[in-house]
Amino acid sequence: MIRLVPIVALLVVSLCASATSASAECAWVLWQHSVMGKSTSVTTEPVDAYETKQAWGNAILAELTKAEASRSATTLVTVDRASNSVVTMVKTKSGKVEPLISYSLFCLPDSVDPRGPKAR
């Protein structure tokens, strides 16, 4: 039993050291601000996480390209690559154009939550 104590202590120290080094690495979270339809309420939600700026930059470009490809006779999509934003409108059967969703994409370090602090 006495021999186990040093082994357990060494294991605990090594686990703590590896947890500290892992948390020191910065991950990036892709966020989306969105407004549904005619609402004025903005929701902000995390979409995905990436290890590098290059990876999240590629993800945003892919999402904007996907949004552009979703255009159709009844779906009007405007993509602003400078602000990483998308506005989607739909044509109703009566020919009226109405907002469906507007959203913008942005990345922040995983230590930053744009929704603010959580209530306690």
Protein backbone atom coordinates (compact mmCIF):
# COMPACT_ATOMS: atom_id res chain seq x y z
CA MET A 1 0.00 0.00 0.00
CA ILE A 2 2.87 2.38 0.83
CA ARG A 3 4.30 1.89 -2.68
CA LEU A 4 0.99 2.97 -4.24
CA VAL A 5 1.06 6.45 -2.66
CA PRO A 6 4.04 7.74 -4.71
CA ILE A 7 2.59 6.26 -7.90
CA VAL A 8 -0.83 7.84 -7.31
CA ALA A 9 0.81 11.18 -6.43
CA LEU A 10 2.88 11.07 -9.62
CA LEU A 11 -0.22 10.24 -11.66
CA VAL A 12 -2.18 13.16 -10.16
CA VAL A 13 0.68 15.60 -10.81
CA SER A 14 1.05 14.47 -14.43
CA LEU A 15 -2.70 14.71 -15.05
CA CYS A 16 -2.79 18.24 -13.63
CA ALA A 17 0.16 19.27 -15.79
CA SER A 18 -1.45 17.92 -18.96
CA ALA A 19 -4.77 19.64 -18.17
CA THR A 20 -2.99 22.95 -17.67
CA SER A 21 -1.13 22.72 -20.97
CA ALA A 22 -4.33 21.77 -22.83
CA SER A 23 -6.24 24.73 -21.45
CA ALA A 24 -3.42 27.09 -22.44
CA GLU A 25 -4.08 26.31 -26.11
CA CYS A 26 -6.61 28.65 -27.68
CA ALA A 27 -9.54 27.25 -29.57
CA TRP A 28 -11.79 29.45 -31.71
CA VAL A 29 -15.57 29.38 -31.57
CA LEU A 30 -17.66 30.26 -34.62
CA TRP A 31 -20.70 32.29 -33.52
CA GLN A 32 -23.85 33.28 -35.36
CA HIS A 33 -25.98 36.38 -34.69
CA SER A 34 -29.39 35.76 -36.28
CA VAL A 35 -32.78 37.42 -36.67
CA MET A 36 -35.72 35.29 -37.77
CA GLY A 37 -38.36 36.73 -40.08
CA LYS A 38 -39.72 40.12 -39.07
CA SER A 39 -38.54 39.75 -35.48
CA THR A 40 -36.30 42.36 -33.92
CA SER A 41 -34.92 39.81 -31.45
CA VAL A 42 -31.31 38.84 -32.09
CA THR A 43 -30.07 35.45 -30.97
CA THR A 44 -26.40 34.62 -30.61
CA GLU A 45 -25.39 30.97 -30.65
CA PRO A 46 -22.16 29.01 -31.05
CA VAL A 47 -22.01 27.05 -34.30
CA ASP A 48 -18.73 25.14 -34.11
CA ALA A 49 -15.19 25.28 -32.73
CA TYR A 50 -11.82 25.26 -34.50
CA GLU A 51 -8.21 24.94 -33.45
CA THR A 52 -6.82 27.63 -35.77
CA LYS A 53 -7.81 30.96 -37.31
CA GLN A 54 -7.23 29.43 -40.75
CA ALA A 55 -9.73 26.64 -40.01
CA TRP A 56 -12.50 29.00 -38.89
CA GLY A 57 -11.79 31.34 -41.80
CA ASN A 58 -12.26 28.42 -44.17
CA ALA A 59 -15.48 27.43 -42.36
CA ILE A 60 -16.94 30.93 -42.76
CA LEU A 61 -16.08 30.99 -46.47
CA ALA A 62 -17.69 27.56 -46.92
CA GLU A 63 -20.85 28.67 -45.11
CA LEU A 64 -21.15 31.84 -47.22
CA THR A 65 -20.64 29.81 -50.41
CA LYS A 66 -23.31 27.34 -49.26
CA ALA A 67 -25.73 30.23 -48.59
CA GLU A 68 -25.11 31.64 -52.09
CA ALA A 69 -25.83 28.22 -53.59
CA SER A 70 -29.21 28.06 -51.82
CA ARG A 71 -30.68 30.75 -54.09
CA SER A 72 -33.75 29.69 -56.02
CA ALA A 73 -36.80 31.13 -57.74
CA THR A 74 -38.51 31.54 -54.37
CA THR A 75 -35.49 32.11 -52.14
CA LEU A 76 -33.53 35.33 -52.50
CA VAL A 77 -30.13 35.30 -50.80
CA THR A 78 -27.78 38.24 -50.36
CA VAL A 79 -24.29 37.45 -49.11
CA ASP A 80 -21.92 40.15 -47.90
CA ARG A 81 -18.48 38.57 -47.68
CA ALA A 82 -16.94 41.73 -46.20
CA SER A 83 -19.14 41.46 -43.11
CA ASN A 84 -19.68 37.66 -43.24
CA SER A 85 -23.43 38.19 -43.32
CA VAL A 86 -26.37 36.61 -45.12
CA VAL A 87 -29.90 37.89 -45.68
CA THR A 88 -32.47 35.39 -46.94
CA MET A 89 -35.89 36.47 -48.23
CA VAL A 90 -38.67 34.27 -49.58
CA LYS A 91 -41.30 34.93 -52.23
CA THR A 92 -44.76 33.95 -51.11
CA LYS A 93 -47.34 32.45 -53.47
CA SER A 94 -48.86 35.93 -53.81
CA GLY A 95 -45.48 37.25 -54.97
CA LYS A 96 -44.75 39.21 -51.79
CA VAL A 97 -41.13 39.10 -50.61
CA GLU A 98 -40.72 38.52 -46.87
CA PRO A 99 -37.67 38.12 -44.63
CA LEU A 100 -36.82 34.57 -43.60
CA ILE A 101 -33.52 34.94 -41.72
CA SER A 102 -30.60 37.33 -41.46
CA TYR A 103 -27.38 36.25 -39.84
CA SER A 104 -23.73 37.11 -39.46
CA LEU A 105 -20.85 34.83 -38.60
CA PHE A 106 -17.83 35.67 -36.49
CA CYS A 107 -15.17 33.91 -34.44
CA LEU A 108 -13.88 34.59 -30.97
CA PRO A 109 -11.42 32.82 -28.67
CA ASP A 110 -13.13 30.09 -26.66
CA SER A 111 -12.62 32.15 -23.52
CA VAL A 112 -14.97 34.90 -24.81
CA ASP A 113 -18.76 34.55 -24.81
CA PRO A 114 -20.45 37.43 -26.69
CA ARG A 115 -23.71 36.74 -24.82
CA GLY A 116 -22.17 38.16 -21.67
CA PRO A 117 -21.75 36.67 -18.23
CA LYS A 118 -24.14 33.96 -17.08
CA ALA A 119 -26.57 34.81 -14.29
CA ARG A 120 -25.81 33.15 -10.98
